């Protein structure tokens, strides 16, 4: 997992900013990501979820930083393996 911070101020008091970010991730044709959740933790918003590549994670973080420049964001987005295993799993 990574922790990337964008901005330095506390998030706006607007309780709908989490929903706005979630909607942007879902509706943007370049991202169209439904598997990321946004939660408020202390003075930052945390993006949780898993994506298939580091590039995809960076694209999501870029989109959020671009559209919400004054909102501090921390990333808890992991990268999952999407290729088939290349080795045979040996069971005991």
PDB file of N, CA and C in Angstrom:
ATOM      1  N   UNK A   1       0.837  -1.177   0.000  1.00  0.00           N
ATOM      2  CA  UNK A   1       0.000   0.000   0.000  1.00  0.00           C
ATOM      3  C   UNK A   1       0.883   1.243   0.000  1.00  0.00           C
ATOM      4  N   UNK A   2       0.349   2.309  -0.507  1.00  0.00           N
ATOM      5  CA  UNK A   2       1.131   3.544  -0.547  1.00  0.00           C
ATOM      6  C   UNK A   2       0.385   4.623   0.200  1.00  0.00           C
ATOM      7  N   UNK A   3       1.103   5.613   0.597  1.00  0.00           N
ATOM      8  CA  UNK A   3       0.504   6.790   1.199  1.00  0.00           C
ATOM      9  C   UNK A   3       0.961   7.989   0.409  1.00  0.00           C
ATOM     10  N   UNK A   4       0.096   8.528  -0.393  1.00  0.00           N
ATOM     11  CA  UNK A   4       0.389   9.710  -1.193  1.00  0.00           C
ATOM     12  C   UNK A   4      -0.498  10.831  -0.691  1.00  0.00           C
ATOM     13  N   UNK A   5       0.101  11.983  -0.409  1.00  0.00           N
ATOM     14  CA  UNK A   5      -0.653  13.114   0.110  1.00  0.00           C
ATOM     15  C   UNK A   5      -0.728  14.186  -0.946  1.00  0.00           C
ATOM     16  N   UNK A   6      -1.904  14.696  -1.189  1.00  0.00           N
ATOM     17  CA  UNK A   6      -2.091  15.802  -2.120  1.00  0.00           C
ATOM     18  C   UNK A   6      -2.663  16.968  -1.342  1.00  0.00           C
ATOM     19  N   UNK A   7      -2.024  18.089  -1.388  1.00  0.00           N
ATOM     20  CA  UNK A   7      -2.516  19.257  -0.668  1.00  0.00           C
ATOM     21  C   UNK A   7      -2.058  19.225   0.772  1.00  0.00           C
ATOM     22  N   UNK A   8      -2.370  20.274   1.552  1.00  0.00           N
ATOM     23  CA  UNK A   8      -1.927  20.303   2.921  1.00  0.00           C
ATOM     24  C   UNK A   8      -2.980  20.808   3.878  1.00  0.00           C
ATOM     25  N   UNK A   9      -4.103  21.261   3.387  1.00  0.00           N
ATOM     26  CA  UNK A   9      -5.152  21.789   4.244  1.00  0.00           C
ATOM     27  C   UNK A   9      -6.111  20.684   4.646  1.00  0.00           C
ATOM     28  N   UNK A  10      -6.881  20.935   5.695  1.00  0.00           N
ATOM     29  CA  UNK A  10      -7.892  19.976   6.113  1.00  0.00           C
ATOM     30  C   UNK A  10      -8.980  19.898   5.049  1.00  0.00           C
ATOM     31  N   UNK A  11      -9.642  18.731   4.944  1.00  0.00           N
ATOM     32  CA  UNK A  11     -10.694  18.627   3.943  1.00  0.00           C
ATOM     33  C   UNK A  11     -11.828  19.599   4.243  1.00  0.00           C
ATOM     34  N   UNK A  12     -12.519  20.031   3.230  1.00  0.00           N
ATOM     35  CA  UNK A  12     -13.641  20.944   3.448  1.00  0.00           C
ATOM     36  C   UNK A  12     -14.690  20.289   4.346  1.00  0.00           C
ATOM     37  N   UNK A  13     -15.464  21.113   5.040  1.00  0.00           N
ATOM     38  CA  UNK A  13     -16.505  20.598   5.927  1.00  0.00           C
ATOM     39  C   UNK A  13     -17.678  20.008   5.162  1.00  0.00           C
ATOM     40  N   UNK A  14     -17.672  20.161   3.860  1.00  0.00           N
ATOM     41  CA  UNK A  14     -18.745  19.631   3.032  1.00  0.00           C
ATOM     42  C   UNK A  14     -18.804  18.112   3.162  1.00  0.00           C
ATOM     43  N   UNK A  15     -19.874  17.608   3.754  1.00  0.00           N
ATOM     44  CA  UNK A  15     -19.985  16.161   3.967  1.00  0.00           C
ATOM     45  C   UNK A  15     -20.197  15.394   2.676  1.00  0.00           C
ATOM     46  N   UNK A  16     -20.377  16.084   1.575  1.00  0.00           N
ATOM     47  CA  UNK A  16     -20.623  15.417   0.297  1.00  0.00           C
ATOM     48  C   UNK A  16     -19.373  15.245  -0.550  1.00  0.00           C
ATOM     49  N   UNK A  17     -18.217  15.724  -0.081  1.00  0.00           N
ATOM     50  CA  UNK A  17     -17.007  15.652  -0.896  1.00  0.00           C
ATOM     51  C   UNK A  17     -16.612  14.198  -1.163  1.00  0.00           C
ATOM     52  N   UNK A  18     -16.835  13.298  -0.195  1.00  0.00           N
ATOM     53  CA  UNK A  18     -16.534  11.886  -0.413  1.00  0.00           C
ATOM     54  C   UNK A  18     -17.362  11.330  -1.573  1.00  0.00           C
ATOM     55  N   UNK A  19     -18.647  11.670  -1.585  1.00  0.00           N
ATOM     56  CA  UNK A  19     -19.541  11.208  -2.658  1.00  0.00           C
ATOM     57  C   UNK A  19     -19.149  11.822  -3.999  1.00  0.00           C
ATOM     58  N   UNK A  20     -18.705  13.075  -3.989  1.00  0.00           N
ATOM     59  CA  UNK A  20     -18.282  13.725  -5.228  1.00  0.00           C
ATOM     60  C   UNK A  20     -17.049  13.025  -5.812  1.00  0.00           C
ATOM     61  N   UNK A  21     -16.108  12.667  -4.954  1.00  0.00           N
ATOM     62  CA  UNK A  21     -14.917  11.955  -5.418  1.00  0.00           C
ATOM     63  C   UNK A  21     -15.302  10.590  -5.951  1.00  0.00           C
ATOM     64  N   UNK A  22     -16.155   9.881  -5.205  1.00  0.00           N
ATOM     65  CA  UNK A  22     -16.613   8.554  -5.625  1.00  0.00           C
ATOM     66  C   UNK A  22     -17.301   8.629  -6.985  1.00  0.00           C
ATOM     67  N   UNK A  23     -18.158   9.621  -7.176  1.00  0.00           N
ATOM     68  CA  UNK A  23     -18.861   9.795  -8.447  1.00  0.00           C
ATOM     69  C   UNK A  23     -17.880  10.111  -9.573  1.00  0.00           C
ATOM     70  N   UNK A  24     -16.875  10.936  -9.292  1.00  0.00           N
ATOM     71  CA  UNK A  24     -15.873  11.264 -10.318  1.00  0.00           C
ATOM     72  C   UNK A  24     -15.116  10.021 -10.757  1.00  0.00           C
ATOM     73  N   UNK A  25     -14.750   9.176  -9.819  1.00  0.00           N
ATOM     74  CA  UNK A  25     -14.029   7.943 -10.157  1.00  0.00           C
ATOM     75  C   UNK A  25     -14.888   7.013 -10.999  1.00  0.00           C
ATOM     76  N   UNK A  26     -16.178   6.982 -10.722  1.00  0.00           N
ATOM     77  CA  UNK A  26     -17.091   6.094 -11.440  1.00  0.00           C
ATOM     78  C   UNK A  26     -17.443   6.635 -12.820  1.00  0.00           C
ATOM     79  N   UNK A  27     -17.678   7.940 -12.921  1.00  0.00           N
ATOM     80  CA  UNK A  27     -18.200   8.518 -14.151  1.00  0.00           C
ATOM     81  C   UNK A  27     -17.137   8.965 -15.149  1.00  0.00           C
ATOM     82  N   UNK A  28     -15.902   9.172 -14.716  1.00  0.00           N
ATOM     83  CA  UNK A  28     -14.861   9.606 -15.651  1.00  0.00           C
ATOM     84  C   UNK A  28     -14.550   8.453 -16.604  1.00  0.00           C
ATOM     85  N   UNK A  29     -14.684   8.670 -17.919  1.00  0.00           N
ATOM     86  CA  UNK A  29     -14.479   7.572 -18.875  1.00  0.00           C
ATOM     87  C   UNK A  29     -13.048   7.030 -18.881  1.00  0.00           C
ATOM     88  N   UNK A  30     -12.070   7.834 -18.508  1.00  0.00           N
ATOM     89  CA  UNK A  30     -10.686   7.371 -18.483  1.00  0.00           C
ATOM     90  C   UNK A  30     -10.408   6.464 -17.290  1.00  0.00           C
ATOM     91  N   UNK A  31     -11.214   6.573 -16.238  1.00  0.00           N
ATOM     92  CA  UNK A  31     -10.994   5.782 -15.026  1.00  0.00           C
ATOM     93  C   UNK A  31     -12.085   4.733 -14.845  1.00  0.00           C
ATOM     94  N   UNK A  32     -13.342   5.166 -14.815  1.00  0.00           N
ATOM     95  CA  UNK A  32     -14.505   4.280 -14.662  1.00  0.00           C
ATOM     96  C   UNK A  32     -14.268   3.218 -13.604  1.00  0.00           C
ATOM     97  N   UNK A  33     -13.877   3.653 -12.411  1.00  0.00           N
ATOM     98  CA  UNK A  33     -13.518   2.743 -11.327  1.00  0.00           C
ATOM     99  C   UNK A  33     -14.597   2.710 -10.253  1.00  0.00           C
ATOM    100  N   UNK A  34     -15.180   1.537 -10.043  1.00  0.00           N
ATOM    101  CA  UNK A  34     -16.218   1.381  -9.024  1.00  0.00           C
ATOM    102  C   UNK A  34     -15.691   0.704  -7.763  1.00  0.00           C
ATOM    103  N   UNK A  35     -14.474   0.181  -7.809  1.00  0.00           N
ATOM    104  CA  UNK A  35     -13.949  -0.583  -6.687  1.00  0.00           C
ATOM    105  C   UNK A  35     -13.169   0.221  -5.666  1.00  0.00           C
ATOM    106  N   UNK A  36     -13.183   1.530  -5.767  1.00  0.00           N
ATOM    107  CA  UNK A  36     -12.464   2.374  -4.816  1.00  0.00           C
ATOM    108  C   UNK A  36     -13.477   3.056  -3.911  1.00  0.00           C
ATOM    109  N   UNK A  37     -13.237   2.971  -2.602  1.00  0.00           N
ATOM    110  CA  UNK A  37     -14.098   3.656  -1.647  1.00  0.00           C
ATOM    111  C   UNK A  37     -13.349   4.850  -1.066  1.00  0.00           C
ATOM    112  N   UNK A  38     -14.103   5.845  -0.647  1.00  0.00           N
ATOM    113  CA  UNK A  38     -13.536   7.066  -0.090  1.00  0.00           C
ATOM    114  C   UNK A  38     -14.100   7.241   1.311  1.00  0.00           C
ATOM    115  N   UNK A  39     -13.207   7.330   2.303  1.00  0.00           N
ATOM    116  CA  UNK A  39     -13.641   7.529   3.691  1.00  0.00           C
ATOM    117  C   UNK A  39     -12.834   8.658   4.317  1.00  0.00           C
ATOM    118  N   UNK A  40     -13.466   9.353   5.231  1.00  0.00           N
ATOM    119  CA  UNK A  40     -12.796  10.437   5.953  1.00  0.00           C
ATOM    120  C   UNK A  40     -12.130   9.848   7.192  1.00  0.00           C
ATOM    121  N   UNK A  41     -10.829  10.140   7.340  1.00  0.00           N
ATOM    122  CA  UNK A  41     -10.086   9.707   8.520  1.00  0.00           C
ATOM    123  C   UNK A  41      -9.305  10.909   9.032  1.00  0.00           C
ATOM    124  N   UNK A  42      -9.675  11.355  10.214  1.00  0.00           N
ATOM    125  CA  UNK A  42      -9.066  12.541  10.804  1.00  0.00           C
ATOM    126  C   UNK A  42      -9.199  13.719   9.841  1.00  0.00           C
ATOM    127  N   UNK A  43      -8.080  14.272   9.388  1.00  0.00           N
ATOM    128  CA  UNK A  43      -8.109  15.461   8.525  1.00  0.00           C
ATOM    129  C   UNK A  43      -7.846  15.158   7.062  1.00  0.00           C
ATOM    130  N   UNK A  44      -7.921  13.882   6.674  1.00  0.00           N
ATOM    131  CA  UNK A  44      -7.677  13.521   5.272  1.00  0.00           C
ATOM    132  C   UNK A  44      -8.771  12.583   4.783  1.00  0.00           C
ATOM    133  N   UNK A  45      -8.875  12.472   3.473  1.00  0.00           N
ATOM    134  CA  UNK A  45      -9.748  11.474   2.869  1.00  0.00           C
ATOM    135  C   UNK A  45      -8.866  10.335   2.379  1.00  0.00           C
ATOM    136  N   UNK A  46      -9.295   9.113   2.644  1.00  0.00           N
ATOM    137  CA  UNK A  46      -8.508   7.940   2.289  1.00  0.00           C
ATOM    138  C   UNK A  46      -9.207   7.185   1.172  1.00  0.00           C
ATOM    139  N   UNK A  47      -8.458   6.889   0.110  1.00  0.00           N
ATOM    140  CA  UNK A  47      -8.964   6.078  -0.991  1.00  0.00           C
ATOM    141  C   UNK A  47      -8.547   4.633  -0.722  1.00  0.00           C
ATOM    142  N   UNK A  48      -9.541   3.726  -0.609  1.00  0.00           N
ATOM    143  CA  UNK A  48      -9.299   2.308  -0.348  1.00  0.00           C
ATOM    144  C   UNK A  48      -9.712   1.488  -1.557  1.00  0.00           C
ATOM    145  N   UNK A  49      -9.006   0.393  -1.780  1.00  0.00           N
ATOM    146  CA  UNK A  49      -9.401  -0.541  -2.819  1.00  0.00           C
ATOM    147  C   UNK A  49      -8.203  -1.209  -3.444  1.00  0.00           C
ATOM    148  N   UNK A  50      -8.468  -1.951  -4.499  1.00  0.00           N
ATOM    149  CA  UNK A  50      -7.410  -2.632  -5.234  1.00  0.00           C
ATOM    150  C   UNK A  50      -7.608  -2.417  -6.725  1.00  0.00           C
ATOM    151  N   UNK A  51      -6.494  -2.253  -7.423  1.00  0.00           N
ATOM    152  CA  UNK A  51      -6.506  -2.077  -8.867  1.00  0.00           C
ATOM    153  C   UNK A  51      -5.513  -3.047  -9.488  1.00  0.00           C
ATOM    154  N   UNK A  52      -5.545  -3.162 -10.821  1.00  0.00           N
ATOM    155  CA  UNK A  52      -4.732  -4.176 -11.487  1.00  0.00           C
ATOM    156  C   UNK A  52      -3.309  -3.740 -11.830  1.00  0.00           C
ATOM    157  N   UNK A  53      -2.965  -2.459 -11.661  1.00  0.00           N
ATOM    158  CA  UNK A  53      -1.607  -2.032 -11.994  1.00  0.00           C
ATOM    159  C   UNK A  53      -1.240  -0.739 -11.256  1.00  0.00           C
ATOM    160  N   UNK A  54       0.073  -0.531 -11.077  1.00  0.00           N
ATOM    161  CA  UNK A  54       0.505   0.741 -10.479  1.00  0.00           C
ATOM    162  C   UNK A  54       0.093   1.933 -11.346  1.00  0.00           C
ATOM    163  N   UNK A  55       0.085   1.753 -12.674  1.00  0.00           N
ATOM    164  CA  UNK A  55      -0.333   2.832 -13.576  1.00  0.00           C
ATOM    165  C   UNK A  55      -1.785   3.232 -13.306  1.00  0.00           C
ATOM    166  N   UNK A  56      -2.642   2.249 -13.110  1.00  0.00           N
ATOM    167  CA  UNK A  56      -4.056   2.514 -12.824  1.00  0.00           C
ATOM    168  C   UNK A  56      -4.200   3.289 -11.520  1.00  0.00           C
ATOM    169  N   UNK A  57      -3.440   2.893 -10.496  1.00  0.00           N
ATOM    170  CA  UNK A  57      -3.470   3.599  -9.210  1.00  0.00           C
ATOM    171  C   UNK A  57      -3.047   5.041  -9.397  1.00  0.00           C
ATOM    172  N   UNK A  58      -1.973   5.276 -10.156  1.00  0.00           N
ATOM    173  CA  UNK A  58      -1.500   6.640 -10.386  1.00  0.00           C
ATOM    174  C   UNK A  58      -2.526   7.464 -11.160  1.00  0.00           C
ATOM    175  N   UNK A  59      -3.207   6.845 -12.105  1.00  0.00           N
ATOM    176  CA  UNK A  59      -4.241   7.545 -12.868  1.00  0.00           C
ATOM    177  C   UNK A  59      -5.391   7.987 -11.950  1.00  0.00           C
ATOM    178  N   UNK A  60      -5.786   7.134 -11.037  1.00  0.00           N
ATOM    179  CA  UNK A  60      -6.842   7.470 -10.075  1.00  0.00           C
ATOM    180  C   UNK A  60      -6.400   8.623  -9.191  1.00  0.00           C
ATOM    181  N   UNK A  61      -5.186   8.554  -8.668  1.00  0.00           N
ATOM    182  CA  UNK A  61      -4.683   9.621  -7.796  1.00  0.00           C
ATOM    183  C   UNK A  61      -4.543  10.936  -8.553  1.00  0.00           C
ATOM    184  N   UNK A  62      -4.121  10.865  -9.820  1.00  0.00           N
ATOM    185  CA  UNK A  62      -4.003  12.072 -10.640  1.00  0.00           C
ATOM    186  C   UNK A  62      -5.367  12.723 -10.830  1.00  0.00           C
ATOM    187  N   UNK A  63      -6.372  11.910 -11.155  1.00  0.00           N
ATOM    188  CA  UNK A  63      -7.720  12.430 -11.369  1.00  0.00           C
ATOM    189  C   UNK A  63      -8.238  13.129 -10.114  1.00  0.00           C
ATOM    190  N   UNK A  64      -8.091  12.499  -8.970  1.00  0.00           N
ATOM    191  CA  UNK A  64      -8.596  13.082  -7.725  1.00  0.00           C
ATOM    192  C   UNK A  64      -7.837  14.367  -7.391  1.00  0.00           C
ATOM    193  N   UNK A  65      -6.518  14.358  -7.525  1.00  0.00           N
ATOM    194  CA  UNK A  65      -5.731  15.557  -7.230  1.00  0.00           C
ATOM    195  C   UNK A  65      -6.074  16.705  -8.180  1.00  0.00           C
ATOM    196  N   UNK A  66      -6.354  16.365  -9.436  1.00  0.00           N
ATOM    197  CA  UNK A  66      -6.706  17.368 -10.441  1.00  0.00           C
ATOM    198  C   UNK A  66      -8.061  18.009 -10.149  1.00  0.00           C
ATOM    199  N   UNK A  67      -9.049  17.192  -9.820  1.00  0.00           N
ATOM    200  CA  UNK A  67     -10.409  17.700  -9.611  1.00  0.00           C
ATOM    201  C   UNK A  67     -10.656  18.241  -8.213  1.00  0.00           C
ATOM    202  N   UNK A  68      -9.855  17.807  -7.236  1.00  0.00           N
ATOM    203  CA  UNK A  68     -10.039  18.234  -5.853  1.00  0.00           C
ATOM    204  C   UNK A  68      -8.691  18.678  -5.283  1.00  0.00           C
ATOM    205  N   UNK A  69      -8.117  19.761  -5.822  1.00  0.00           N
ATOM    206  CA  UNK A  69      -6.758  20.151  -5.444  1.00  0.00           C
ATOM    207  C   UNK A  69      -6.608  20.599  -3.991  1.00  0.00           C
ATOM    208  N   UNK A  70      -7.668  21.049  -3.347  1.00  0.00           N
ATOM    209  CA  UNK A  70      -7.570  21.544  -1.982  1.00  0.00           C
ATOM    210  C   UNK A  70      -7.915  20.492  -0.939  1.00  0.00           C
ATOM    211  N   UNK A  71      -8.137  19.254  -1.375  1.00  0.00           N
ATOM    212  CA  UNK A  71      -8.525  18.187  -0.456  1.00  0.00           C
ATOM    213  C   UNK A  71      -7.320  17.263  -0.231  1.00  0.00           C
ATOM    214  N   UNK A  72      -6.869  17.130   1.028  1.00  0.00           N
ATOM    215  CA  UNK A  72      -5.764  16.208   1.294  1.00  0.00           C
ATOM    216  C   UNK A  72      -6.239  14.759   1.139  1.00  0.00           C
ATOM    217  N   UNK A  73      -5.509  13.999   0.351  1.00  0.00           N
ATOM    218  CA  UNK A  73      -5.878  12.626   0.032  1.00  0.00           C
ATOM    219  C   UNK A  73      -4.730  11.696   0.414  1.00  0.00           C
ATOM    220  N   UNK A  74      -5.071  10.563   1.017  1.00  0.00           N
ATOM    221  CA  UNK A  74      -4.101   9.508   1.284  1.00  0.00           C
ATOM    222  C   UNK A  74      -4.554   8.275   0.524  1.00  0.00           C
ATOM    223  N   UNK A  75      -3.609   7.584  -0.094  1.00  0.00           N
ATOM    224  CA  UNK A  75      -3.935   6.404  -0.879  1.00  0.00           C
ATOM    225  C   UNK A  75      -3.674   5.132  -0.082  1.00  0.00           C
ATOM    226  N   UNK A  76      -4.690   4.286  -0.034  1.00  0.00           N
ATOM    227  CA  UNK A  76      -4.567   2.944   0.520  1.00  0.00           C
ATOM    228  C   UNK A  76      -5.038   1.977  -0.570  1.00  0.00           C
ATOM    229  N   UNK A  77      -4.570   2.254  -1.795  1.00  0.00           N
ATOM    230  CA  UNK A  77      -4.960   1.466  -2.963  1.00  0.00           C
ATOM    231  C   UNK A  77      -3.857   0.457  -3.247  1.00  0.00           C
ATOM    232  N   UNK A  78      -4.222  -0.809  -3.185  1.00  0.00           N
ATOM    233  CA  UNK A  78      -3.262  -1.869  -3.460  1.00  0.00           C
ATOM    234  C   UNK A  78      -3.323  -2.315  -4.906  1.00  0.00           C
ATOM    235  N   UNK A  79      -2.263  -3.004  -5.335  1.00  0.00           N
ATOM    236  CA  UNK A  79      -2.199  -3.543  -6.689  1.00  0.00           C
ATOM    237  C   UNK A  79      -2.302  -5.063  -6.585  1.00  0.00           C
ATOM    238  N   UNK A  80      -3.282  -5.629  -7.291  1.00  0.00           N
ATOM    239  CA  UNK A  80      -3.465  -7.078  -7.271  1.00  0.00           C
ATOM    240  C   UNK A  80      -2.855  -7.705  -8.509  1.00  0.00           C
ATOM    241  N   UNK A  81      -2.519  -8.967  -8.411  1.00  0.00           N
ATOM    242  CA  UNK A  81      -1.964  -9.691  -9.558  1.00  0.00           C
ATOM    243  C   UNK A  81      -3.118 -10.095 -10.465  1.00  0.00           C
ATOM    244  N   UNK A  82      -3.004  -9.795 -11.755  1.00  0.00           N
ATOM    245  CA  UNK A  82      -4.062 -10.163 -12.693  1.00  0.00           C
ATOM    246  C   UNK A  82      -3.611 -11.207 -13.700  1.00  0.00           C
ATOM    247  N   UNK A  83      -2.318 -11.510 -13.738  1.00  0.00           N
ATOM    248  CA  UNK A  83      -1.833 -12.542 -14.643  1.00  0.00           C
ATOM    249  C   UNK A  83      -1.953 -13.901 -13.959  1.00  0.00           C
ATOM    250  N   UNK A  84      -2.066 -14.920 -14.762  1.00  0.00           N
ATOM    251  CA  UNK A  84      -2.107 -16.287 -14.237  1.00  0.00           C
ATOM    252  C   UNK A  84      -0.747 -16.612 -13.632  1.00  0.00           C
ATOM    253  N   UNK A  85      -0.711 -17.451 -12.598  1.00  0.00           N
ATOM    254  CA  UNK A  85       0.570 -17.833 -12.010  1.00  0.00           C
ATOM    255  C   UNK A  85       1.441 -18.556 -13.041  1.00  0.00           C
ATOM    256  N   UNK A  86       2.742 -18.365 -12.933  1.00  0.00           N
ATOM    257  CA  UNK A  86       3.658 -19.001 -13.864  1.00  0.00           C
ATOM    258  C   UNK A  86       4.249 -20.280 -13.297  1.00  0.00           C
ATOM    259  N   UNK A  87       4.027 -20.540 -12.007  1.00  0.00           N
ATOM    260  CA  UNK A  87       4.566 -21.740 -11.365  1.00  0.00           C
ATOM    261  C   UNK A  87       3.427 -22.616 -10.867  1.00  0.00           C
ATOM    262  N   UNK A  88       3.689 -23.897 -10.757  1.00  0.00           N
ATOM    263  CA  UNK A  88       2.703 -24.837 -10.228  1.00  0.00           C
ATOM    264  C   UNK A  88       2.726 -24.754  -8.707  1.00  0.00           C
ATOM    265  N   UNK A  89       1.557 -24.639  -8.109  1.00  0.00           N
ATOM    266  CA  UNK A  89       1.479 -24.593  -6.652  1.00  0.00           C
ATOM    267  C   UNK A  89       1.547 -26.009  -6.096  1.00  0.00           C
ATOM    268  N   UNK A  90       2.500 -26.243  -5.208  1.00  0.00           N
ATOM    269  CA  UNK A  90       2.672 -27.545  -4.575  1.00  0.00           C
ATOM    270  C   UNK A  90       1.919 -27.558  -3.261  1.00  0.00           C
ATOM    271  N   UNK A  91       0.947 -28.440  -3.136  1.00  0.00           N
ATOM    272  CA  UNK A  91       0.191 -28.569  -1.900  1.00  0.00           C
ATOM    273  C   UNK A  91       0.787 -29.686  -1.044  1.00  0.00           C
ATOM    274  N   UNK A  92       0.789 -29.527   0.289  1.00  0.00           N
ATOM    275  CA  UNK A  92       1.361 -30.571   1.168  1.00  0.00           C
ATOM    276  C   UNK A  92       0.526 -31.842   1.154  1.00  0.00           C
TER     277      UNK A  92
END
